[in-house]
Protein backbone atom coordinates (compact mmCIF):
# COMPACT_ATOMS: atom_id res chain seq x y z
CA UNK A 1 15.33 -4.59 34.28
CA UNK A 2 12.96 -1.72 35.35
CA UNK A 3 13.21 -0.35 31.51
CA UNK A 4 12.06 -3.41 29.96
CA UNK A 5 9.49 -3.97 32.74
CA UNK A 6 8.48 -0.29 32.38
CA UNK A 7 7.93 -0.83 28.36
CA UNK A 8 5.97 -3.95 28.91
CA UNK A 9 3.65 -1.95 30.91
CA UNK A 10 3.09 1.04 28.60
CA UNK A 11 2.63 -1.40 25.98
CA UNK A 12 -0.38 -3.61 27.99
CA UNK A 13 -1.71 -0.16 29.19
CA UNK A 14 -1.96 1.22 25.41
CA UNK A 15 -3.48 -2.09 24.09
CA UNK A 16 -5.67 -1.98 26.93
CA UNK A 17 -7.04 1.65 26.26
CA UNK A 18 -7.29 0.55 22.43
CA UNK A 19 -9.27 -2.41 22.92
CA UNK A 20 -11.82 -0.68 25.38
CA UNK A 21 -12.16 2.14 22.42
CA UNK A 22 -11.97 -0.63 19.59
CA UNK A 23 -14.61 -2.51 21.91
CA UNK A 24 -17.10 0.51 22.25
CA UNK A 25 -16.81 1.36 18.72
CA UNK A 26 -17.70 -2.27 17.42
CA UNK A 27 -20.63 -2.28 20.05
CA UNK A 28 -21.94 0.88 18.83
CA UNK A 29 -22.00 -0.41 15.15
CA UNK A 30 -23.56 -3.82 16.57
CA UNK A 31 -26.53 -1.70 17.99
CA UNK A 32 -26.98 0.36 14.68
CA UNK A 33 -27.13 -2.48 12.77
CA UNK A 34 -29.73 -4.03 15.21
CA UNK A 35 -32.02 -0.81 14.86
CA UNK A 36 -31.33 -0.78 10.71
CA UNK A 37 -32.72 -4.18 10.73
CA UNK A 38 -35.65 -3.64 13.55
CA UNK A 39 -36.75 -0.89 10.97
CA UNK A 40 -36.79 -3.51 8.58
CA UNK A 41 -39.06 -5.91 10.54
CA UNK A 42 -36.18 -7.83 11.75
CA UNK A 43 -35.06 -8.43 15.45
CA UNK A 44 -33.06 -10.76 17.47
CA UNK A 45 -33.79 -11.98 20.86
CA UNK A 46 -31.34 -14.11 23.15
CA UNK A 47 -32.28 -15.99 26.44
CA UNK A 48 -28.68 -15.13 27.71
CA UNK A 49 -26.19 -12.69 26.18
CA UNK A 50 -22.96 -11.12 27.01
CA UNK A 51 -19.96 -9.38 25.54
CA UNK A 52 -16.39 -10.81 25.95
CA UNK A 53 -12.85 -11.08 23.89
CA UNK A 54 -9.87 -8.88 25.57
CA UNK A 55 -7.26 -8.79 24.46
CA UNK A 56 -7.54 -9.21 20.66
CA UNK A 57 -11.74 -9.87 19.78
CA UNK A 58 -15.08 -8.26 20.56
CA UNK A 59 -17.65 -11.21 21.12
CA UNK A 60 -21.08 -11.12 21.82
CA UNK A 61 -22.32 -14.50 22.65
CA UNK A 62 -26.04 -15.20 22.44
CA UNK A 63 -27.57 -18.57 23.85
CA UNK A 64 -30.68 -19.77 22.12
CA UNK A 65 -30.91 -17.10 19.47
CA UNK A 66 -34.69 -16.03 18.24
CA UNK A 67 -34.76 -14.14 14.90
CA UNK A 68 -38.11 -12.78 14.41
CA UNK A 69 -39.17 -11.41 10.90
CA UNK A 70 -42.28 -9.30 11.12
CA UNK A 71 -43.35 -7.53 7.83
CA UNK A 72 -46.63 -7.19 6.01
CA UNK A 73 -47.84 -10.64 4.56
CA UNK A 74 -44.42 -12.15 6.50
CA UNK A 75 -44.07 -13.64 9.72
CA UNK A 76 -41.16 -15.76 10.14
CA UNK A 77 -39.43 -16.97 13.38
CA UNK A 78 -36.05 -18.91 13.22
CA UNK A 79 -34.17 -20.09 16.37
CA UNK A 80 -31.25 -22.37 16.95
CA UNK A 81 -28.87 -23.37 20.05
CA UNK A 82 -25.72 -20.78 20.27
CA UNK A 83 -24.43 -18.06 18.28
CA UNK A 84 -21.20 -16.65 18.76
CA UNK A 85 -20.55 -13.25 16.84
CA UNK A 86 -16.49 -12.05 17.07
CA UNK A 87 -14.65 -9.35 15.66
CA UNK A 88 -10.82 -8.90 15.60
CA UNK A 89 -10.08 -5.23 17.21
CA UNK A 90 -7.28 -5.01 14.33
CA UNK A 91 -10.11 -5.79 11.57
CA UNK A 92 -13.04 -3.94 12.49
CA UNK A 93 -14.66 -4.36 9.08
CA UNK A 94 -14.55 -8.09 9.37
CA UNK A 95 -16.92 -9.96 11.77
CA UNK A 96 -17.49 -13.80 11.74
CA UNK A 97 -20.12 -15.86 13.35
CA UNK A 98 -20.55 -19.35 14.74
CA UNK A 99 -23.87 -21.07 15.06
CA UNK A 100 -24.83 -24.20 16.46
CA UNK A 101 -27.72 -26.34 15.16
CA UNK A 102 -30.36 -27.49 14.69
CA UNK A 103 -31.80 -24.14 13.35
CA UNK A 104 -35.57 -24.27 13.29
CA UNK A 105 -37.96 -22.19 11.29
CA UNK A 106 -41.69 -21.03 11.34
CA UNK A 107 -43.23 -19.48 8.37
CA UNK A 108 -40.83 -21.00 6.07
CA UNK A 109 -40.99 -24.11 3.67
CA UNK A 110 -37.52 -25.24 5.28
CA UNK A 111 -38.69 -26.63 8.71
CA UNK A 112 -35.65 -27.72 10.85
CA UNK A 113 -32.43 -27.48 9.35
CA UNK A 114 -29.71 -29.75 11.10
CA UNK A 115 -26.39 -29.22 10.79
CA UNK A 116 -22.64 -28.88 12.36
CA UNK A 117 -21.62 -26.00 13.46
CA UNK A 118 -22.04 -23.32 10.92
CA UNK A 119 -19.42 -20.40 10.20
CA UNK A 120 -20.57 -17.21 8.27
CA UNK A 121 -18.46 -14.19 7.62
CA UNK A 122 -19.20 -10.68 6.63
CA UNK A 123 -16.73 -7.76 5.41
CA UNK A 124 -17.92 -4.37 5.08
CA UNK A 125 -16.44 -1.26 3.10
CA UNK A 126 -19.54 0.57 2.70
CA UNK A 127 -23.14 0.37 2.27
CA UNK A 128 -22.50 -0.28 -1.42
CA UNK A 129 -19.40 -2.70 -0.74
CA UNK A 130 -19.72 -5.89 1.20
CA UNK A 131 -19.31 -9.44 1.03
CA UNK A 132 -20.98 -12.09 2.84
CA UNK A 133 -20.64 -16.42 3.15
CA UNK A 134 -21.72 -19.16 5.04
CA UNK A 135 -20.54 -22.56 5.53
CA UNK A 136 -22.61 -25.06 6.54
CA UNK A 137 -21.31 -28.99 7.37
CA UNK A 138 -23.52 -31.88 7.47
CA UNK A 139 -26.57 -30.03 6.53
CA UNK A 140 -30.08 -31.63 6.50
CA UNK A 141 -32.99 -28.94 5.35
CA UNK A 142 -36.07 -30.95 6.61
CA UNK A 143 -37.41 -33.48 4.24
CA UNK A 144 -36.36 -31.41 1.33
CA UNK A 145 -32.66 -31.91 1.02
CA UNK A 146 -29.29 -32.99 2.62
CA UNK A 147 -25.74 -32.19 1.96
CA UNK A 148 -22.25 -32.95 3.37
CA UNK A 149 -21.51 -29.44 3.03
CA UNK A 150 -23.27 -26.49 1.92
CA UNK A 151 -21.46 -22.91 1.06
CA UNK A 152 -23.03 -19.78 -0.07
CA UNK A 153 -21.75 -16.67 -0.92
CA UNK A 154 -23.11 -13.24 -1.83
CA UNK A 155 -21.55 -9.72 -2.65
CA UNK A 156 -22.90 -6.40 -3.77
CA UNK A 157 -22.04 -5.51 -7.40
CA UNK A 158 -22.61 -1.62 -7.06
CA UNK A 159 -25.77 -1.81 -9.80
CA UNK A 160 -28.33 -2.36 -7.83
CA UNK A 161 -27.59 -6.22 -7.86
CA UNK A 162 -25.83 -8.98 -5.86
CA UNK A 163 -23.88 -11.74 -6.99
CA UNK A 164 -24.67 -15.03 -5.40
CA UNK A 165 -22.96 -18.40 -5.52
CA UNK A 166 -23.78 -21.61 -4.03
CA UNK A 167 -21.86 -24.79 -3.49
CA UNK A 168 -22.84 -27.96 -2.45
CA UNK A 169 -21.05 -31.54 -2.25
CA UNK A 170 -23.14 -35.05 -1.81
CA UNK A 171 -26.25 -33.46 -2.14
CA UNK A 172 -29.36 -35.59 -1.92
CA UNK A 173 -32.77 -33.45 -3.22
CA UNK A 174 -36.24 -34.86 -2.25
CA UNK A 175 -38.62 -34.73 -4.98
CA UNK A 176 -42.11 -33.95 -4.39
CA UNK A 177 -43.07 -37.52 -5.00
CA UNK A 178 -40.91 -38.82 -2.66
CA UNK A 179 -37.81 -39.87 -4.95
CA UNK A 180 -34.51 -38.96 -4.50
CA UNK A 181 -31.91 -37.02 -7.04
CA UNK A 182 -28.12 -37.58 -5.82
CA UNK A 183 -25.73 -34.92 -6.91
CA UNK A 184 -22.05 -35.53 -6.18
CA UNK A 185 -21.19 -31.91 -6.74
CA UNK A 186 -23.46 -28.94 -7.84
CA UNK A 187 -22.00 -25.12 -8.11
CA UNK A 188 -24.26 -22.62 -8.98
CA UNK A 189 -23.49 -18.56 -9.77
CA UNK A 190 -26.48 -16.07 -10.26
CA UNK A 191 -27.05 -12.48 -9.93
CA UNK A 192 -30.54 -11.24 -8.43
CA UNK A 193 -31.74 -7.86 -7.45
CA UNK A 194 -29.51 -6.67 -4.44
CA UNK A 195 -33.16 -5.60 -2.28
CA UNK A 196 -34.30 -8.86 -2.54
CA UNK A 197 -31.73 -10.22 -0.07
CA UNK A 198 -33.11 -8.04 2.26
CA UNK A 199 -36.58 -9.61 2.21
CA UNK A 200 -38.11 -12.77 1.36
CA UNK A 201 -36.27 -13.66 -2.06
CA UNK A 202 -39.21 -15.64 -3.71
CA UNK A 203 -41.71 -13.16 -2.27
CA UNK A 204 -40.01 -10.36 -3.93
CA UNK A 205 -39.53 -11.69 -7.22
CA UNK A 206 -43.20 -12.67 -7.35
CA UNK A 207 -44.28 -9.21 -6.34
CA UNK A 208 -41.76 -7.14 -8.65
CA UNK A 209 -41.83 -9.50 -11.49
CA UNK A 210 -37.77 -9.80 -11.94
CA UNK A 211 -35.92 -12.75 -12.55
CA UNK A 212 -32.55 -14.26 -11.47
CA UNK A 213 -30.17 -14.44 -14.07
CA UNK A 214 -28.22 -17.65 -13.89
CA UNK A 215 -24.67 -17.41 -14.93
CA UNK A 216 -23.11 -20.91 -14.76
CA UNK A 217 -24.52 -24.22 -13.18
CA UNK A 218 -22.05 -26.84 -12.72
CA UNK A 219 -23.18 -30.49 -11.53
CA UNK A 220 -21.79 -33.57 -11.26
CA UNK A 221 -22.71 -37.21 -10.45
CA UNK A 222 -20.21 -40.22 -11.21
CA UNK A 223 -19.13 -39.85 -14.89
CA UNK A 224 -21.80 -37.39 -15.92
CA UNK A 225 -21.53 -33.78 -15.77
CA UNK A 226 -23.31 -30.77 -16.53
CA UNK A 227 -23.17 -27.17 -17.39
CA UNK A 228 -25.94 -25.12 -17.83
CA UNK A 229 -27.21 -21.07 -17.72
CA UNK A 230 -30.55 -19.13 -17.97
CA UNK A 231 -32.78 -17.52 -16.01
CA UNK A 232 -35.96 -17.98 -13.17
CA UNK A 233 -38.45 -16.23 -11.71
CA UNK A 234 -41.43 -16.83 -9.54
CA UNK A 235 -45.28 -16.67 -10.44
CA UNK A 236 -47.43 -15.07 -8.22
CA UNK A 237 -48.69 -18.64 -6.55
CA UNK A 238 -44.70 -18.75 -5.52
CA UNK A 239 -43.86 -21.72 -8.19
CA UNK A 240 -40.73 -20.88 -10.04
CA UNK A 241 -40.79 -20.66 -13.90
CA UNK A 242 -37.93 -20.17 -16.43
CA UNK A 243 -35.81 -22.05 -18.87
CA UNK A 244 -32.12 -22.86 -18.49
CA UNK A 245 -29.84 -24.52 -21.61
CA UNK A 246 -27.92 -27.33 -20.56
CA UNK A 247 -24.84 -29.20 -21.93
CA UNK A 248 -24.41 -32.67 -20.78
CA UNK A 249 -21.55 -35.04 -21.43
CA UNK A 250 -23.31 -38.43 -21.17
CA UNK A 251 -27.13 -38.78 -22.24
CA UNK A 252 -27.12 -42.43 -21.39
CA UNK A 253 -26.18 -41.53 -17.35
CA UNK A 254 -27.99 -39.19 -17.27
CA UNK A 255 -31.53 -40.65 -18.69
CA UNK A 256 -30.49 -43.68 -15.87
CA UNK A 257 -30.32 -41.24 -13.27
CA UNK A 258 -33.73 -39.76 -13.90
CA UNK A 259 -35.54 -43.04 -15.33
CA UNK A 260 -36.62 -43.68 -11.32
CA UNK A 261 -37.67 -40.12 -10.96
CA UNK A 262 -39.60 -39.78 -13.96
CA UNK A 263 -40.80 -43.01 -13.66
CA UNK A 264 -39.87 -44.25 -17.45
CA UNK A 265 -39.87 -47.44 -18.62
CA UNK A 266 -37.43 -49.29 -20.53
CA UNK A 267 -39.22 -48.60 -23.77
CA UNK A 268 -39.38 -44.65 -22.89
CA UNK A 269 -35.64 -44.53 -22.23
CA UNK A 270 -34.79 -46.35 -25.81
CA UNK A 271 -36.99 -43.60 -27.65
CA UNK A 272 -35.71 -40.96 -25.66
CA UNK A 273 -32.13 -42.15 -26.58
CA UNK A 274 -33.25 -42.03 -30.34
CA UNK A 275 -35.06 -38.90 -30.00
CA UNK A 276 -32.21 -37.05 -28.60
CA UNK A 277 -29.89 -38.60 -31.15
CA UNK A 278 -31.57 -37.36 -34.02
CA UNK A 279 -31.71 -33.60 -32.21
CA UNK A 280 -27.96 -34.28 -32.02
CA UNK A 281 -27.47 -35.29 -35.55
CA UNK A 282 -25.15 -33.20 -37.60
CA UNK A 283 -24.12 -31.06 -34.64
CA UNK A 284 -20.51 -32.76 -34.56
CA UNK A 285 -20.49 -32.80 -30.78
CA UNK A 286 -20.58 -35.81 -28.28
CA UNK A 287 -22.22 -33.37 -26.03
CA UNK A 288 -26.03 -33.12 -25.55
CA UNK A 289 -27.73 -29.80 -25.43
CA UNK A 290 -31.12 -29.83 -23.70
CA UNK A 291 -33.33 -27.20 -21.73
CA UNK A 292 -34.40 -27.48 -18.26
CA UNK A 293 -38.23 -25.77 -18.21
CA UNK A 294 -40.29 -24.83 -14.84
CA UNK A 295 -43.76 -24.08 -16.05
CA UNK A 296 -46.96 -25.18 -15.19
CA UNK A 297 -46.06 -26.48 -11.67
CA UNK A 298 -43.85 -29.07 -13.40
CA UNK A 299 -40.17 -29.51 -14.23
CA UNK A 300 -39.11 -30.66 -17.68
CA UNK A 301 -35.87 -31.99 -19.13
CA UNK A 302 -36.32 -31.62 -22.67
CA UNK A 303 -39.47 -33.17 -23.69
CA UNK A 304 -39.49 -35.19 -20.33
CA UNK A 305 -41.37 -34.21 -17.36
CA UNK A 306 -39.31 -35.43 -14.16
CA UNK A 307 -41.31 -33.76 -11.41
CA UNK A 308 -43.99 -31.73 -9.82
CA UNK A 309 -42.67 -28.67 -8.38
CA UNK A 310 -43.35 -27.26 -4.55
CA UNK A 311 -44.50 -23.83 -4.14
CA UNK A 312 -41.80 -21.67 -2.61
CA UNK A 313 -44.08 -19.82 -0.16
């Protein structure tokens, strides 16, 4: 009996020592990360904070987290209810975080963001090799949009750019005129300068003249399916500009969806069907090819103006 008990005690003591060393290493890395963010003008404050997690995790709990971004020409404050940061001691390069909403932003057009418990994940192998994701259930972004589920993903590409993907289910987008654009499912994959992720993306693109390359967009609303690709940039006043080429499965369903948004009459819709039919004549395809164009603070779908654009800053 003494030998098995002694083995258990040795294992317990060894693991405790390992956890203590790993915990100190993770806390040091956390502190280094905070200092690096501080040098970029980003800080995190908590009304109450403490470390825990023994025996398998290292956790930092933060009540009423407040993130402040204070940089030239940009002052933003973001607050939420609770933040729990956790790292498994046997996988220290993978961190997860749980965020309880609502999340309130000041200095951004997003306003208050209502959501269920958000789950974020970050894997880091080096400064040039990382990947991050966040999932928000039942999210509503002020009066701008809401979705049953929103998932965002980003990773370093190694060439100064970052790949970004966004997926939304049961999305409803509020347009400038108060109308709603429903989308059952939306998936977007794009590439943008990595430095943009460390700053205000819209301001960075406007200041540098660089653009977001959209490799693929896939949207579904009932039997209507749309795929697209193209590029988007931001002008000096914060308005999106660019052109995205789209492929549409059912133009009749598309026109039915945008008719109230674009305030098209029945005769406008009939004319549009005729016009699009002439454009597609001889193509040999049932799919319709049209461009989405953002220019002059307006959004066009082919020849139709469907919305006024809002500035992103």
